[in-house]
Amino acid sequence: LMSFTKNLGKFEDDMRTLREKRTEPGWSFCEYFM
C-alpha cells in the first residue's frame, strides 16, 4: 500500500503536468486521454 500510494501520487503529478501543457504545440488529447 505504501509503494502503491507513492507511485499513484507520482502518476497523478505527471498527469497534471501533462494536462497543463495542453496549450503547447504538439499536445495530444488522445495521449492524455489514455
Full PDB file with SEQRES, HELIX, SHEET, SSBOND, CRYST1, ORIGX, SCALE, CONECT and MASTER records, all heavy atoms in Angstrom:
SEQRES   1 A   34  LEU MET SER PHE THR LYS ASN LEU GLY LYS PHE GLU ASP          
SEQRES   2 A   34  ASP MET ARG THR LEU ARG GLU LYS ARG THR GLU PRO GLY          
SEQRES   3 A   34  TRP SER PHE CYS GLU TYR PHE MET                              
HELIX    1 AA1 MET A    2  GLU A   20  1                                  19    
HELIX    2 AA2 PHE A   29  PHE A   33  1                                   5    
CRYST1    1.000    1.000    1.000  90.00  90.00  90.00 P 1           1          
ORIGX1      1.000000  0.000000  0.000000        0.00000                         
ORIGX2      0.000000  1.000000  0.000000        0.00000                         
ORIGX3      0.000000  0.000000  1.000000        0.00000                         
SCALE1      1.000000  0.000000  0.000000        0.00000                         
SCALE2      0.000000  1.000000  0.000000        0.00000                         
SCALE3      0.000000  0.000000  1.000000        0.00000                         
ATOM      1  N   LEU A   1       0.824  -1.201   0.000  1.00  0.00           N  
ATOM      2  CA  LEU A   1       0.000   0.000   0.000  1.00  0.00           C  
ATOM      3  C   LEU A   1       0.865   1.262   0.000  1.00  0.00           C  
ATOM      4  O   LEU A   1       0.544   2.247  -0.676  1.00  0.00           O  
ATOM      5  CB  LEU A   1      -0.926  -0.015   1.218  1.00  0.00           C  
ATOM      6  CG  LEU A   1      -2.130   0.931   1.176  1.00  0.00           C  
ATOM      7  CD1 LEU A   1      -2.953   0.700  -0.086  1.00  0.00           C  
ATOM      8  CD2 LEU A   1      -2.998   0.742   2.408  1.00  0.00           C  
ATOM      9  N   MET A   2       1.977   1.241   0.752  1.00  0.00           N  
ATOM     10  CA  MET A   2       2.895   2.378   0.764  1.00  0.00           C  
ATOM     11  C   MET A   2       3.456   2.632  -0.632  1.00  0.00           C  
ATOM     12  O   MET A   2       3.477   3.776  -1.118  1.00  0.00           O  
ATOM     13  CB  MET A   2       4.039   2.118   1.746  1.00  0.00           C  
ATOM     14  CG  MET A   2       3.675   2.264   3.207  1.00  0.00           C  
ATOM     15  SD  MET A   2       5.036   1.750   4.302  1.00  0.00           S  
ATOM     16  CE  MET A   2       6.395   2.764   3.682  1.00  0.00           C  
ATOM     17  N   SER A   3       3.919   1.569  -1.281  1.00  0.00           N  
ATOM     18  CA  SER A   3       4.506   1.712  -2.612  1.00  0.00           C  
ATOM     19  C   SER A   3       3.458   2.149  -3.631  1.00  0.00           C  
ATOM     20  O   SER A   3       3.698   3.036  -4.455  1.00  0.00           O  
ATOM     21  CB  SER A   3       5.146   0.389  -3.045  1.00  0.00           C  
ATOM     22  OG  SER A   3       5.682   0.496  -4.341  1.00  0.00           O  
ATOM     23  N   PHE A   4       2.284   1.533  -3.544  1.00  0.00           N  
ATOM     24  CA  PHE A   4       1.219   1.880  -4.478  1.00  0.00           C  
ATOM     25  C   PHE A   4       0.816   3.348  -4.336  1.00  0.00           C  
ATOM     26  O   PHE A   4       0.678   4.072  -5.327  1.00  0.00           O  
ATOM     27  CB  PHE A   4       0.005   0.979  -4.239  1.00  0.00           C  
ATOM     28  CG  PHE A   4      -1.189   1.359  -5.064  1.00  0.00           C  
ATOM     29  CD1 PHE A   4      -1.241   1.061  -6.419  1.00  0.00           C  
ATOM     30  CD2 PHE A   4      -2.265   2.043  -4.509  1.00  0.00           C  
ATOM     31  CE1 PHE A   4      -2.333   1.420  -7.198  1.00  0.00           C  
ATOM     32  CE2 PHE A   4      -3.354   2.412  -5.269  1.00  0.00           C  
ATOM     33  CZ  PHE A   4      -3.393   2.097  -6.617  1.00  0.00           C  
ATOM     34  N   THR A   5       0.636   3.805  -3.096  1.00  0.00           N  
ATOM     35  CA  THR A   5       0.223   5.185  -2.847  1.00  0.00           C  
ATOM     36  C   THR A   5       1.274   6.169  -3.362  1.00  0.00           C  
ATOM     37  O   THR A   5       0.950   7.196  -3.966  1.00  0.00           O  
ATOM     38  CB  THR A   5      -0.025   5.414  -1.347  1.00  0.00           C  
ATOM     39  OG1 THR A   5      -1.008   4.472  -0.882  1.00  0.00           O  
ATOM     40  CG2 THR A   5      -0.507   6.824  -1.079  1.00  0.00           C  
ATOM     41  N   LYS A   6       2.548   5.844  -3.121  1.00  0.00           N  
ATOM     42  CA  LYS A   6       3.637   6.715  -3.580  1.00  0.00           C  
ATOM     43  C   LYS A   6       3.659   6.797  -5.107  1.00  0.00           C  
ATOM     44  O   LYS A   6       3.756   7.893  -5.683  1.00  0.00           O  
ATOM     45  CB  LYS A   6       4.970   6.183  -3.061  1.00  0.00           C  
ATOM     46  CG  LYS A   6       6.178   6.996  -3.504  1.00  0.00           C  
ATOM     47  CD  LYS A   6       7.460   6.415  -2.947  1.00  0.00           C  
ATOM     48  CE  LYS A   6       7.755   5.051  -3.527  1.00  0.00           C  
ATOM     49  NZ  LYS A   6       9.025   4.486  -3.038  1.00  0.00           N  
ATOM     50  N   ASN A   7       3.555   5.652  -5.770  1.00  0.00           N  
ATOM     51  CA  ASN A   7       3.605   5.638  -7.232  1.00  0.00           C  
ATOM     52  C   ASN A   7       2.339   6.232  -7.839  1.00  0.00           C  
ATOM     53  O   ASN A   7       2.402   6.868  -8.902  1.00  0.00           O  
ATOM     54  CB  ASN A   7       3.811   4.204  -7.729  1.00  0.00           C  
ATOM     55  CG  ASN A   7       5.237   3.735  -7.534  1.00  0.00           C  
ATOM     56  OD1 ASN A   7       6.149   4.186  -8.214  1.00  0.00           O  
ATOM     57  ND2 ASN A   7       5.452   2.828  -6.601  1.00  0.00           N  
ATOM     58  N   LEU A   8       1.207   6.043  -7.171  1.00  0.00           N  
ATOM     59  CA  LEU A   8      -0.031   6.655  -7.648  1.00  0.00           C  
ATOM     60  C   LEU A   8       0.075   8.178  -7.573  1.00  0.00           C  
ATOM     61  O   LEU A   8      -0.338   8.890  -8.495  1.00  0.00           O  
ATOM     62  CB  LEU A   8      -1.212   6.164  -6.815  1.00  0.00           C  
ATOM     63  CG  LEU A   8      -2.574   6.775  -7.158  1.00  0.00           C  
ATOM     64  CD1 LEU A   8      -2.982   6.423  -8.580  1.00  0.00           C  
ATOM     65  CD2 LEU A   8      -3.635   6.304  -6.169  1.00  0.00           C  
ATOM     66  N   GLY A   9       0.644   8.694  -6.471  1.00  0.00           N  
ATOM     67  CA  GLY A   9       0.824  10.135  -6.327  1.00  0.00           C  
ATOM     68  C   GLY A   9       1.708  10.705  -7.418  1.00  0.00           C  
ATOM     69  O   GLY A   9       1.408  11.774  -7.977  1.00  0.00           O  
ATOM     70  N   LYS A  10       2.798  10.002  -7.732  1.00  0.00           N  
ATOM     71  CA  LYS A  10       3.692  10.468  -8.804  1.00  0.00           C  
ATOM     72  C   LYS A  10       2.981  10.425 -10.155  1.00  0.00           C  
ATOM     73  O   LYS A  10       3.142  11.332 -10.985  1.00  0.00           O  
ATOM     74  CB  LYS A  10       4.953   9.592  -8.850  1.00  0.00           C  
ATOM     75  CG  LYS A  10       5.996  10.085  -9.849  1.00  0.00           C  
ATOM     76  CD  LYS A  10       7.232   9.229  -9.828  1.00  0.00           C  
ATOM     77  CE  LYS A  10       8.313   9.808 -10.756  1.00  0.00           C  
ATOM     78  NZ  LYS A  10       7.838  10.012 -12.138  1.00  0.00           N  
ATOM     79  N   PHE A  11       2.189   9.373 -10.369  1.00  0.00           N  
ATOM     80  CA  PHE A  11       1.440   9.257 -11.619  1.00  0.00           C  
ATOM     81  C   PHE A  11       0.472  10.420 -11.771  1.00  0.00           C  
ATOM     82  O   PHE A  11       0.357  11.024 -12.844  1.00  0.00           O  
ATOM     83  CB  PHE A  11       0.679   7.927 -11.627  1.00  0.00           C  
ATOM     84  CG  PHE A  11      -0.031   7.630 -12.913  1.00  0.00           C  
ATOM     85  CD1 PHE A  11       0.612   6.969 -13.942  1.00  0.00           C  
ATOM     86  CD2 PHE A  11      -1.359   8.009 -13.098  1.00  0.00           C  
ATOM     87  CE1 PHE A  11      -0.047   6.687 -15.139  1.00  0.00           C  
ATOM     88  CE2 PHE A  11      -2.019   7.743 -14.278  1.00  0.00           C  
ATOM     89  CZ  PHE A  11      -1.362   7.079 -15.298  1.00  0.00           C  
ATOM     90  N   GLU A  12      -0.218  10.780 -10.679  1.00  0.00           N  
ATOM     91  CA  GLU A  12      -1.166  11.892 -10.724  1.00  0.00           C  
ATOM     92  C   GLU A  12      -0.440  13.218 -10.964  1.00  0.00           C  
ATOM     93  O   GLU A  12      -0.933  14.079 -11.702  1.00  0.00           O  
ATOM     94  CB  GLU A  12      -1.966  11.951  -9.426  1.00  0.00           C  
ATOM     95  CG  GLU A  12      -2.969  10.812  -9.277  1.00  0.00           C  
ATOM     96  CD  GLU A  12      -3.730  10.863  -7.974  1.00  0.00           C  
ATOM     97  OE1 GLU A  12      -3.085  11.015  -6.915  1.00  0.00           O  
ATOM     98  OE2 GLU A  12      -4.975  10.743  -7.993  1.00  0.00           O  
ATOM     99  N   ASP A  13       0.735  13.388 -10.340  1.00  0.00           N  
ATOM    100  CA  ASP A  13       1.514  14.611 -10.557  1.00  0.00           C  
ATOM    101  C   ASP A  13       1.941  14.731 -12.016  1.00  0.00           C  
ATOM    102  O   ASP A  13       1.853  15.815 -12.621  1.00  0.00           O  
ATOM    103  CB  ASP A  13       2.750  14.624  -9.650  1.00  0.00           C  
ATOM    104  CG  ASP A  13       2.405  14.850  -8.190  1.00  0.00           C  
ATOM    105  OD1 ASP A  13       1.289  15.328  -7.911  1.00  0.00           O  
ATOM    106  OD2 ASP A  13       3.250  14.528  -7.329  1.00  0.00           O  
ATOM    107  N   ASP A  14       2.429  13.614 -12.594  1.00  0.00           N  
ATOM    108  CA  ASP A  14       2.848  13.619 -14.002  1.00  0.00           C  
ATOM    109  C   ASP A  14       1.654  13.896 -14.922  1.00  0.00           C  
ATOM    110  O   ASP A  14       1.800  14.579 -15.944  1.00  0.00           O  
ATOM    111  CB  ASP A  14       3.482  12.273 -14.373  1.00  0.00           C  
ATOM    112  CG  ASP A  14       4.823  12.059 -13.686  1.00  0.00           C  
ATOM    113  OD1 ASP A  14       5.397  13.042 -13.179  1.00  0.00           O  
ATOM    114  OD2 ASP A  14       5.289  10.905 -13.636  1.00  0.00           O  
ATOM    115  N   MET A  15       0.498  13.356 -14.550  1.00  0.00           N  
ATOM    116  CA  MET A  15      -0.709  13.574 -15.353  1.00  0.00           C  
ATOM    117  C   MET A  15      -1.105  15.054 -15.333  1.00  0.00           C  
ATOM    118  O   MET A  15      -1.465  15.632 -16.368  1.00  0.00           O  
ATOM    119  CB  MET A  15      -1.850  12.705 -14.815  1.00  0.00           C  
ATOM    120  CG  MET A  15      -3.123  12.767 -15.657  1.00  0.00           C  
ATOM    121  SD  MET A  15      -4.480  11.856 -14.885  1.00  0.00           S  
ATOM    122  CE  MET A  15      -4.952  13.043 -13.601  1.00  0.00           C  
ATOM    123  N   ARG A  16      -1.034  15.687 -14.142  1.00  0.00           N  
ATOM    124  CA  ARG A  16      -1.365  17.107 -14.051  1.00  0.00           C  
ATOM    125  C   ARG A  16      -0.392  17.958 -14.859  1.00  0.00           C  
ATOM    126  O   ARG A  16      -0.784  18.925 -15.515  1.00  0.00           O  
ATOM    127  CB  ARG A  16      -1.370  17.545 -12.582  1.00  0.00           C  
ATOM    128  CG  ARG A  16      -2.645  17.164 -11.833  1.00  0.00           C  
ATOM    129  CD  ARG A  16      -2.688  17.815 -10.461  1.00  0.00           C  
ATOM    130  NE  ARG A  16      -1.742  17.188  -9.540  1.00  0.00           N  
ATOM    131  CZ  ARG A  16      -2.055  16.166  -8.758  1.00  0.00           C  
ATOM    132  NH1 ARG A  16      -3.266  15.639  -8.791  1.00  0.00           N  
ATOM    133  NH2 ARG A  16      -1.160  15.661  -7.927  1.00  0.00           N  
ATOM    134  N   THR A  17       0.899  17.592 -14.817  1.00  0.00           N  
ATOM    135  CA  THR A  17       1.902  18.310 -15.599  1.00  0.00           C  
ATOM    136  C   THR A  17       1.605  18.212 -17.088  1.00  0.00           C  
ATOM    137  O   THR A  17       1.708  19.201 -17.826  1.00  0.00           O  
ATOM    138  CB  THR A  17       3.310  17.745 -15.306  1.00  0.00           C  
ATOM    139  OG1 THR A  17       3.604  17.914 -13.913  1.00  0.00           O  
ATOM    140  CG2 THR A  17       4.372  18.466 -16.125  1.00  0.00           C  
ATOM    141  N   LEU A  18       1.200  17.018 -17.509  1.00  0.00           N  
ATOM    142  CA  LEU A  18       0.854  16.815 -18.918  1.00  0.00           C  
ATOM    143  C   LEU A  18      -0.375  17.626 -19.303  1.00  0.00           C  
ATOM    144  O   LEU A  18      -0.420  18.220 -20.386  1.00  0.00           O  
ATOM    145  CB  LEU A  18       0.607  15.322 -19.173  1.00  0.00           C  
ATOM    146  CG  LEU A  18       0.274  14.902 -20.610  1.00  0.00           C  
ATOM    147  CD1 LEU A  18       1.418  15.260 -21.553  1.00  0.00           C  
ATOM    148  CD2 LEU A  18      -0.010  13.404 -20.672  1.00  0.00           C  
ATOM    149  N   ARG A  19      -1.353  17.695 -18.419  1.00  0.00           N  
ATOM    150  CA  ARG A  19      -2.575  18.456 -18.697  1.00  0.00           C  
ATOM    151  C   ARG A  19      -2.286  19.948 -18.807  1.00  0.00           C  
ATOM    152  O   ARG A  19      -2.875  20.652 -19.635  1.00  0.00           O  
ATOM    153  CB  ARG A  19      -3.610  18.198 -17.607  1.00  0.00           C  
ATOM    154  CG  ARG A  19      -4.957  18.894 -17.855  1.00  0.00           C  
ATOM    155  CD  ARG A  19      -5.995  18.406 -16.868  1.00  0.00           C  
ATOM    156  NE  ARG A  19      -5.576  18.627 -15.496  1.00  0.00           N  
ATOM    157  CZ  ARG A  19      -5.994  17.891 -14.466  1.00  0.00           C  
ATOM    158  NH1 ARG A  19      -6.813  16.872 -14.659  1.00  0.00           N  
ATOM    159  NH2 ARG A  19      -5.583  18.155 -13.238  1.00  0.00           N  
ATOM    160  N   GLU A  20      -1.361  20.450 -17.990  1.00  0.00           N  
ATOM    161  CA  GLU A  20      -1.020  21.874 -18.011  1.00  0.00           C  
ATOM    162  C   GLU A  20      -0.329  22.286 -19.309  1.00  0.00           C  
ATOM    163  O   GLU A  20      -0.247  23.475 -19.622  1.00  0.00           O  
ATOM    164  CB  GLU A  20      -0.134  22.204 -16.813  1.00  0.00           C  
ATOM    165  CG  GLU A  20      -0.882  22.155 -15.474  1.00  0.00           C  
ATOM    166  CD  GLU A  20       0.048  22.224 -14.277  1.00  0.00           C  
ATOM    167  OE1 GLU A  20       1.286  22.289 -14.511  1.00  0.00           O  
ATOM    168  OE2 GLU A  20      -0.435  22.207 -13.130  1.00  0.00           O  
ATOM    169  N   LYS A  21       0.161  21.315 -20.060  1.00  0.00           N  
ATOM    170  CA  LYS A  21       0.840  21.607 -21.322  1.00  0.00           C  
ATOM    171  C   LYS A  21      -0.108  21.579 -22.516  1.00  0.00           C  
ATOM    172  O   LYS A  21       0.330  21.602 -23.677  1.00  0.00           O  
ATOM    173  CB  LYS A  21       1.976  20.602 -21.551  1.00  0.00           C  
ATOM    174  CG  LYS A  21       3.105  20.689 -20.526  1.00  0.00           C  
ATOM    175  CD  LYS A  21       4.196  19.668 -20.822  1.00  0.00           C  
ATOM    176  CE  LYS A  21       5.338  19.777 -19.811  1.00  0.00           C  
ATOM    177  NZ  LYS A  21       6.403  18.771 -20.081  1.00  0.00           N  
ATOM    178  N   ARG A  22      -1.423  21.539 -22.245  1.00  0.00           N  
ATOM    179  CA  ARG A  22      -2.392  21.335 -23.328  1.00  0.00           C  
ATOM    180  C   ARG A  22      -2.449  22.492 -24.336  1.00  0.00           C  
ATOM    181  O   ARG A  22      -2.981  22.319 -25.432  1.00  0.00           O  
ATOM    182  CB  ARG A  22      -3.786  21.089 -22.755  1.00  0.00           C  
ATOM    183  CG  ARG A  22      -4.357  22.214 -21.918  1.00  0.00           C  
ATOM    184  CD  ARG A  22      -5.686  21.778 -21.266  1.00  0.00           C  
ATOM    185  NE  ARG A  22      -6.299  22.824 -20.446  1.00  0.00           N  
ATOM    186  CZ  ARG A  22      -5.982  23.054 -19.190  1.00  0.00           C  
ATOM    187  NH1 ARG A  22      -5.028  22.315 -18.609  1.00  0.00           N  
ATOM    188  NH2 ARG A  22      -6.588  24.000 -18.508  1.00  0.00           N  
ATOM    189  N   THR A  23      -1.914  23.662 -23.955  1.00  0.00           N  
ATOM    190  CA  THR A  23      -1.921  24.787 -24.898  1.00  0.00           C  
ATOM    191  C   THR A  23      -0.657  24.816 -25.755  1.00  0.00           C  
ATOM    192  O   THR A  23      -0.537  25.650 -26.652  1.00  0.00           O  
ATOM    193  CB  THR A  23      -2.041  26.128 -24.143  1.00  0.00           C  
ATOM    194  OG1 THR A  23      -0.952  26.239 -23.211  1.00  0.00           O  
ATOM    195  CG2 THR A  23      -3.367  26.200 -23.387  1.00  0.00           C  
ATOM    196  N   GLU A  24       0.268  23.903 -25.485  1.00  0.00           N  
ATOM    197  CA  GLU A  24       1.519  23.893 -26.236  1.00  0.00           C  
ATOM    198  C   GLU A  24       1.354  23.146 -27.558  1.00  0.00           C  
ATOM    199  O   GLU A  24       0.542  22.216 -27.653  1.00  0.00           O  
ATOM    200  CB  GLU A  24       2.631  23.252 -25.400  1.00  0.00           C  
ATOM    201  CG  GLU A  24       2.950  24.011 -24.113  1.00  0.00           C  
ATOM    202  CD  GLU A  24       4.058  23.346 -23.314  1.00  0.00           C  
ATOM    203  OE1 GLU A  24       4.632  22.339 -23.813  1.00  0.00           O  
ATOM    204  OE2 GLU A  24       4.361  23.820 -22.200  1.00  0.00           O  
ATOM    205  N   PRO A  25       2.122  23.527 -28.588  1.00  0.00           N  
ATOM    206  CA  PRO A  25       2.051  22.844 -29.885  1.00  0.00           C  
ATOM    207  C   PRO A  25       2.431  21.358 -29.733  1.00  0.00           C  
ATOM    208  O   PRO A  25       3.336  21.008 -28.987  1.00  0.00           O  
ATOM    209  CB  PRO A  25       3.089  23.592 -30.738  1.00  0.00           C  
ATOM    210  CG  PRO A  25       3.260  24.923 -30.059  1.00  0.00           C  
ATOM    211  CD  PRO A  25       3.060  24.672 -28.598  1.00  0.00           C  
ATOM    212  N   GLY A  26       1.694  20.511 -30.425  1.00  0.00           N  
ATOM    213  CA  GLY A  26       2.018  19.091 -30.419  1.00  0.00           C  
ATOM    214  C   GLY A  26       1.372  18.299 -29.304  1.00  0.00           C  
ATOM    215  O   GLY A  26       1.521  17.068 -29.240  1.00  0.00           O  
ATOM    216  N   TRP A  27       0.656  18.993 -28.399  1.00  0.00           N  
ATOM    217  CA  TRP A  27      -0.017  18.289 -27.292  1.00  0.00           C  
ATOM    218  C   TRP A  27      -1.146  17.431 -27.854  1.00  0.00           C  
ATOM    219  O   TRP A  27      -1.932  17.880 -28.701  1.00  0.00           O  
ATOM    220  CB  TRP A  27      -0.569  19.299 -26.298  1.00  0.00           C  
ATOM    221  CG  TRP A  27      -1.043  18.689 -24.998  1.00  0.00           C  
ATOM    222  CD1 TRP A  27      -0.305  18.447 -23.891  1.00  0.00           C  
ATOM    223  CD2 TRP A  27      -2.383  18.292 -24.681  1.00  0.00           C  
ATOM    224  NE1 TRP A  27      -1.084  17.901 -22.898  1.00  0.00           N  
ATOM    225  CE2 TRP A  27      -2.378  17.790 -23.352  1.00  0.00           C  
ATOM    226  CE3 TRP A  27      -3.592  18.284 -25.385  1.00  0.00           C  
ATOM    227  CZ2 TRP A  27      -3.518  17.307 -22.718  1.00  0.00           C  
ATOM    228  CZ3 TRP A  27      -4.739  17.804 -24.749  1.00  0.00           C  
ATOM    229  CH2 TRP A  27      -4.688  17.320 -23.442  1.00  0.00           C  
ATOM    230  N   SER A  28      -1.236  16.195 -27.409  1.00  0.00           N  
ATOM    231  CA  SER A  28      -2.227  15.261 -27.953  1.00  0.00           C  
ATOM    232  C   SER A  28      -3.282  14.923 -26.910  1.00  0.00           C  
ATOM    233  O   SER A  28      -2.962  14.381 -25.847  1.00  0.00           O  
ATOM    234  CB  SER A  28      -1.528  13.981 -28.418  1.00  0.00           C  
ATOM    235  OG  SER A  28      -2.466  12.957 -28.709  1.00  0.00           O  
ATOM    236  N   PHE A  29      -4.539  15.233 -27.225  1.00  0.00           N  
ATOM    237  CA  PHE A  29      -5.620  14.867 -26.318  1.00  0.00           C  
ATOM    238  C   PHE A  29      -5.731  13.350 -26.201  1.00  0.00           C  
ATOM    239  O   PHE A  29      -6.014  12.814 -25.123  1.00  0.00           O  
ATOM    240  CB  PHE A  29      -6.953  15.450 -26.805  1.00  0.00           C  
ATOM    241  CG  PHE A  29      -8.127  15.023 -25.948  1.00  0.00           C  
ATOM    242  CD1 PHE A  29      -8.400  15.664 -24.746  1.00  0.00           C  
ATOM    243  CD2 PHE A  29      -8.939  13.965 -26.333  1.00  0.00           C  
ATOM    244  CE1 PHE A  29      -9.462  15.257 -23.940  1.00  0.00           C  
ATOM    245  CE2 PHE A  29     -10.002  13.561 -25.540  1.00  0.00           C  
ATOM    246  CZ  PHE A  29     -10.268  14.209 -24.337  1.00  0.00           C  
ATOM    247  N   CYS A  30      -5.522  12.654 -27.313  1.00  0.00           N  
ATOM    248  CA  CYS A  30      -5.635  11.190 -27.295  1.00  0.00           C  
ATOM    249  C   CYS A  30      -4.603  10.577 -26.345  1.00  0.00           C  
ATOM    250  O   CYS A  30      -4.918   9.649 -25.583  1.00  0.00           O  
ATOM    251  CB  CYS A  30      -5.449  10.630 -28.703  1.00  0.00           C  
ATOM    252  SG  CYS A  30      -6.798  11.057 -29.832  1.00  0.00           S  
ATOM    253  N   GLU A  31      -3.388  11.098 -26.373  1.00  0.00           N  
ATOM    254  CA  GLU A  31      -2.350  10.602 -25.472  1.00  0.00           C  
ATOM    255  C   GLU A  31      -2.723  10.882 -24.022  1.00  0.00           C  
ATOM    256  O   GLU A  31      -2.590  10.020 -23.149  1.00  0.00           O  
ATOM    257  CB  GLU A  31      -1.007  11.246 -25.801  1.00  0.00           C  
ATOM    258  CG  GLU A  31       0.134  10.789 -24.888  1.00  0.00           C  
ATOM    259  CD  GLU A  31       1.440  11.500 -25.190  1.00  0.00           C  
ATOM    260  OE1 GLU A  31       1.570  12.076 -26.289  1.00  0.00           O  
ATOM    261  OE2 GLU A  31       2.327  11.487 -24.310  1.00  0.00           O  
ATOM    262  N   TYR A  32      -3.219  12.086 -23.786  1.00  0.00           N  
ATOM    263  CA  TYR A  32      -3.604  12.440 -22.425  1.00  0.00           C  
ATOM    264  C   TYR A  32      -4.793  11.593 -21.959  1.00  0.00           C  
ATOM    265  O   TYR A  32      -4.859  11.172 -20.800  1.00  0.00           O  
ATOM    266  CB  TYR A  32      -3.973  13.922 -22.339  1.00  0.00           C  
ATOM    267  CG  TYR A  32      -4.452  14.311 -20.965  1.00  0.00           C  
ATOM    268  CD1 TYR A  32      -3.542  14.525 -19.928  1.00  0.00           C  
ATOM    269  CD2 TYR A  32      -5.814  14.408 -20.680  1.00  0.00           C  
ATOM    270  CE1 TYR A  32      -3.971  14.842 -18.650  1.00  0.00           C  
ATOM    271  CE2 TYR A  32      -6.256  14.729 -19.411  1.00  0.00           C  
ATOM    272  CZ  TYR A  32      -5.336  14.935 -18.396  1.00  0.00           C  
ATOM    273  OH  TYR A  32      -5.771  15.231 -17.137  1.00  0.00           O  
ATOM    274  N   PHE A  33      -5.731  11.331 -22.859  1.00  0.00           N  
ATOM    275  CA  PHE A  33      -6.900  10.515 -22.526  1.00  0.00           C  
ATOM    276  C   PHE A  33      -6.465   9.145 -22.013  1.00  0.00           C  
ATOM    277  O   PHE A  33      -7.011   8.639 -21.010  1.00  0.00           O  
ATOM    278  CB  PHE A  33      -7.790  10.350 -23.762  1.00  0.00           C  
ATOM    279  CG  PHE A  33      -9.020   9.503 -23.516  1.00  0.00           C  
ATOM    280  CD1 PHE A  33     -10.214  10.094 -23.138  1.00  0.00           C  
ATOM    281  CD2 PHE A  33      -8.970   8.123 -23.661  1.00  0.00           C  
ATOM    282  CE1 PHE A  33     -11.342   9.325 -22.897  1.00  0.00           C  
ATOM    283  CE2 PHE A  33     -10.096   7.343 -23.416  1.00  0.00           C  
ATOM    284  CZ  PHE A  33     -11.287   7.949 -23.041  1.00  0.00           C  
ATOM    285  N   MET A  34      -5.483   8.532 -22.673  1.00  0.00           N  
ATOM    286  CA  MET A  34      -5.013   7.203 -22.274  1.00  0.00           C  
ATOM    287  C   MET A  34      -4.422   7.223 -20.864  1.00  0.00           C  
ATOM    288  O   MET A  34      -4.584   6.284 -20.084  1.00  0.00           O  
ATOM    289  CB  MET A  34      -3.970   6.693 -23.269  1.00  0.00           C  
ATOM    290  CG  MET A  34      -4.503   6.522 -24.677  1.00  0.00           C  
ATOM    291  SD  MET A  34      -5.792   5.267 -24.805  1.00  0.00           S  
ATOM    292  CE  MET A  34      -4.810   3.789 -24.577  1.00  0.00           C  
TER     293      MET A  34                                                      
MASTER        0    0    0    2    0    0    0    6  292    1    0    3          
END                                                                             
